[in-house]
Amino acid sequence: MTTYEYIEEIELMVKKKDGRLERFNLDKIITGLQKASEKRPITLEQIKNIAEKVRQDIIAEGKDEVSSKEIGDKIIVYLRELDYVAYIRFASVYRDFKEPSDFQRLVNEDR
């Protein structure tokens, strides 16, 4: 068995905000990125690359459980580098923005 094969056998679990555990699902990351990237110059390959980088980052940390917040934080870092508008969109959903001032606060954080 190679190291890669061993890593693939590890069952990575995600702890949701409400405390539930569910299996890590790369497709959920891809779907969220596709929504944030709608009508932006971002390819499906770029989206899949971000999702895979997030998965690899988590595996490299040696964890078998990760919070949904940690996943979102990792996605935001990669998405911000790729496309600022998609980053703002993703952050607005991920951080549950309620008011226009929430957007302004995020933009100010980036300065």
C-alpha atoms as a PDB file:
ATOM      1  CA  MET A   1       0.000   0.000   0.000  1.00  0.00           C
ATOM      2  CA  THR A   2       1.403   3.390  -0.956  1.00  0.00           C
ATOM      3  CA  THR A   3       1.110   6.466   1.264  1.00  0.00           C
ATOM      4  CA  TYR A   4      -1.401   7.914  -1.183  1.00  0.00           C
ATOM      5  CA  GLU A   5      -3.568   4.804  -0.975  1.00  0.00           C
ATOM      6  CA  TYR A   6      -3.418   4.937   2.823  1.00  0.00           C
ATOM      7  CA  ILE A   7      -4.495   8.587   2.852  1.00  0.00           C
ATOM      8  CA  GLU A   8      -7.432   7.765   0.612  1.00  0.00           C
ATOM      9  CA  GLU A   9      -8.627   5.185   3.163  1.00  0.00           C
ATOM     10  CA  ILE A  10      -8.789   7.709   5.997  1.00  0.00           C
ATOM     11  CA  GLU A  11     -12.390   8.691   6.672  1.00  0.00           C
ATOM     12  CA  LEU A  12     -12.382  12.475   6.922  1.00  0.00           C
ATOM     13  CA  MET A  13     -15.312  13.845   8.893  1.00  0.00           C
ATOM     14  CA  VAL A  14     -16.687  17.394   8.927  1.00  0.00           C
ATOM     15  CA  LYS A  15     -18.130  18.905  12.091  1.00  0.00           C
ATOM     16  CA  LYS A  16     -21.032  21.153  11.119  1.00  0.00           C
ATOM     17  CA  LYS A  17     -22.065  24.343  12.949  1.00  0.00           C
ATOM     18  CA  ASP A  18     -24.826  22.457  14.768  1.00  0.00           C
ATOM     19  CA  GLY A  19     -22.374  19.808  16.000  1.00  0.00           C
ATOM     20  CA  ARG A  20     -23.369  17.048  13.573  1.00  0.00           C
ATOM     21  CA  LEU A  21     -20.652  15.037  11.856  1.00  0.00           C
ATOM     22  CA  GLU A  22     -20.818  14.127   8.190  1.00  0.00           C
ATOM     23  CA  ARG A  23     -18.401  12.667   5.678  1.00  0.00           C
ATOM     24  CA  PHE A  24     -16.159  15.113   3.859  1.00  0.00           C
ATOM     25  CA  ASN A  25     -17.657  15.725   0.426  1.00  0.00           C
ATOM     26  CA  LEU A  26     -15.516  17.375  -2.243  1.00  0.00           C
ATOM     27  CA  ASP A  27     -18.614  17.905  -4.403  1.00  0.00           C
ATOM     28  CA  LYS A  28     -20.094  20.261  -1.773  1.00  0.00           C
ATOM     29  CA  ILE A  29     -17.020  22.472  -2.019  1.00  0.00           C
ATOM     30  CA  ILE A  30     -17.197  22.421  -5.822  1.00  0.00           C
ATOM     31  CA  THR A  31     -20.899  23.333  -5.778  1.00  0.00           C
ATOM     32  CA  GLY A  32     -20.311  26.251  -3.394  1.00  0.00           C
ATOM     33  CA  LEU A  33     -17.438  27.505  -5.523  1.00  0.00           C
ATOM     34  CA  GLN A  34     -19.531  27.224  -8.693  1.00  0.00           C
ATOM     35  CA  LYS A  35     -22.273  29.361  -7.152  1.00  0.00           C
ATOM     36  CA  ALA A  36     -19.775  32.002  -6.032  1.00  0.00           C
ATOM     37  CA  SER A  37     -18.080  31.939  -9.438  1.00  0.00           C
ATOM     38  CA  GLU A  38     -21.202  32.247 -11.578  1.00  0.00           C
ATOM     39  CA  LYS A  39     -20.639  34.606 -14.528  1.00  0.00           C
ATOM     40  CA  ARG A  40     -16.999  35.082 -13.514  1.00  0.00           C
ATOM     41  CA  PRO A  41     -13.987  34.156 -15.682  1.00  0.00           C
ATOM     42  CA  ILE A  42     -13.307  31.005 -13.654  1.00  0.00           C
ATOM     43  CA  THR A  43     -13.101  27.542 -15.183  1.00  0.00           C
ATOM     44  CA  LEU A  44     -14.419  24.322 -13.705  1.00  0.00           C
ATOM     45  CA  GLU A  45     -10.814  23.118 -13.626  1.00  0.00           C
ATOM     46  CA  GLN A  46      -9.822  26.087 -11.427  1.00  0.00           C
ATOM     47  CA  ILE A  47     -12.748  25.339  -9.112  1.00  0.00           C
ATOM     48  CA  LYS A  48     -11.788  21.677  -8.857  1.00  0.00           C
ATOM     49  CA  ASN A  49      -8.176  22.666  -8.176  1.00  0.00           C
ATOM     50  CA  ILE A  50      -9.228  24.825  -5.222  1.00  0.00           C
ATOM     51  CA  ALA A  51     -11.399  22.028  -3.832  1.00  0.00           C
ATOM     52  CA  GLU A  52      -8.533  19.549  -4.162  1.00  0.00           C
ATOM     53  CA  LYS A  53      -6.037  21.959  -2.541  1.00  0.00           C
ATOM     54  CA  VAL A  54      -8.395  22.339   0.423  1.00  0.00           C
ATOM     55  CA  ARG A  55      -8.701  18.557   0.732  1.00  0.00           C
ATOM     56  CA  GLN A  56      -4.933  18.092   0.496  1.00  0.00           C
ATOM     57  CA  ASP A  57      -4.329  20.825   3.099  1.00  0.00           C
ATOM     58  CA  ILE A  58      -6.625  19.056   5.553  1.00  0.00           C
ATOM     59  CA  ILE A  59      -5.049  15.658   4.900  1.00  0.00           C
ATOM     60  CA  ALA A  60      -1.556  17.153   5.295  1.00  0.00           C
ATOM     61  CA  GLU A  61      -2.568  18.395   8.742  1.00  0.00           C
ATOM     62  CA  GLY A  62      -3.196  14.765   9.692  1.00  0.00           C
ATOM     63  CA  LYS A  63      -6.728  15.367  10.907  1.00  0.00           C
ATOM     64  CA  ASP A  64      -9.590  12.905  10.678  1.00  0.00           C
ATOM     65  CA  GLU A  65     -12.105  15.585  11.699  1.00  0.00           C
ATOM     66  CA  VAL A  66     -12.312  19.189  10.535  1.00  0.00           C
ATOM     67  CA  SER A  67     -14.864  21.918  11.190  1.00  0.00           C
ATOM     68  CA  SER A  68     -16.902  23.409   8.374  1.00  0.00           C
ATOM     69  CA  LYS A  69     -15.457  26.772   9.470  1.00  0.00           C
ATOM     70  CA  GLU A  70     -11.900  25.544   8.858  1.00  0.00           C
ATOM     71  CA  ILE A  71     -12.903  24.366   5.392  1.00  0.00           C
ATOM     72  CA  GLY A  72     -14.533  27.715   4.617  1.00  0.00           C
ATOM     73  CA  ASP A  73     -11.477  29.591   5.851  1.00  0.00           C
ATOM     74  CA  LYS A  74      -9.234  27.577   3.519  1.00  0.00           C
ATOM     75  CA  ILE A  75     -11.578  28.079   0.552  1.00  0.00           C
ATOM     76  CA  ILE A  76     -11.627  31.838   1.123  1.00  0.00           C
ATOM     77  CA  VAL A  77      -7.832  32.081   1.001  1.00  0.00           C
ATOM     78  CA  TYR A  78      -7.617  30.315  -2.359  1.00  0.00           C
ATOM     79  CA  LEU A  79     -10.665  32.016  -3.856  1.00  0.00           C
ATOM     80  CA  ARG A  80      -9.430  35.472  -2.894  1.00  0.00           C
ATOM     81  CA  GLU A  81      -6.234  34.828  -4.857  1.00  0.00           C
ATOM     82  CA  LEU A  82      -8.218  33.682  -7.898  1.00  0.00           C
ATOM     83  CA  ASP A  83     -11.114  36.150  -8.197  1.00  0.00           C
ATOM     84  CA  TYR A  84     -12.026  38.939  -5.781  1.00  0.00           C
ATOM     85  CA  VAL A  85     -15.721  39.102  -6.754  1.00  0.00           C
ATOM     86  CA  ALA A  86     -16.193  35.346  -6.298  1.00  0.00           C
ATOM     87  CA  TYR A  87     -14.353  35.659  -2.980  1.00  0.00           C
ATOM     88  CA  ILE A  88     -16.769  38.367  -1.786  1.00  0.00           C
ATOM     89  CA  ARG A  89     -19.753  36.298  -2.892  1.00  0.00           C
ATOM     90  CA  PHE A  90     -18.502  33.171  -1.137  1.00  0.00           C
ATOM     91  CA  ALA A  91     -17.608  35.095   2.013  1.00  0.00           C
ATOM     92  CA  SER A  92     -21.041  36.714   2.129  1.00  0.00           C
ATOM     93  CA  VAL A  93     -22.752  33.316   2.253  1.00  0.00           C
ATOM     94  CA  TYR A  94     -20.101  31.604   4.371  1.00  0.00           C
ATOM     95  CA  ARG A  95     -20.091  34.387   6.966  1.00  0.00           C
ATOM     96  CA  ASP A  96     -23.887  34.804   6.742  1.00  0.00           C
ATOM     97  CA  PHE A  97     -23.938  38.499   5.882  1.00  0.00           C
ATOM     98  CA  LYS A  98     -27.159  40.242   6.909  1.00  0.00           C
ATOM     99  CA  GLU A  99     -26.517  43.924   6.136  1.00  0.00           C
ATOM    100  CA  PRO A 100     -24.703  45.909   3.434  1.00  0.00           C
ATOM    101  CA  SER A 101     -22.304  47.040   6.147  1.00  0.00           C
ATOM    102  CA  ASP A 102     -21.106  43.420   6.408  1.00  0.00           C
ATOM    103  CA  PHE A 103     -19.771  43.701   2.841  1.00  0.00           C
ATOM    104  CA  GLN A 104     -18.079  46.999   3.626  1.00  0.00           C
ATOM    105  CA  ARG A 105     -16.412  45.504   6.690  1.00  0.00           C
ATOM    106  CA  LEU A 106     -15.003  42.639   4.588  1.00  0.00           C
ATOM    107  CA  VAL A 107     -13.652  44.992   1.937  1.00  0.00           C
ATOM    108  CA  ASN A 108     -12.064  47.152   4.664  1.00  0.00           C
ATOM    109  CA  GLU A 109     -10.438  44.045   6.212  1.00  0.00           C
ATOM    110  CA  ASP A 110      -8.703  43.420   2.883  1.00  0.00           C
ATOM    111  CA  ARG A 111      -7.051  46.813   2.702  1.00  0.00           C
END
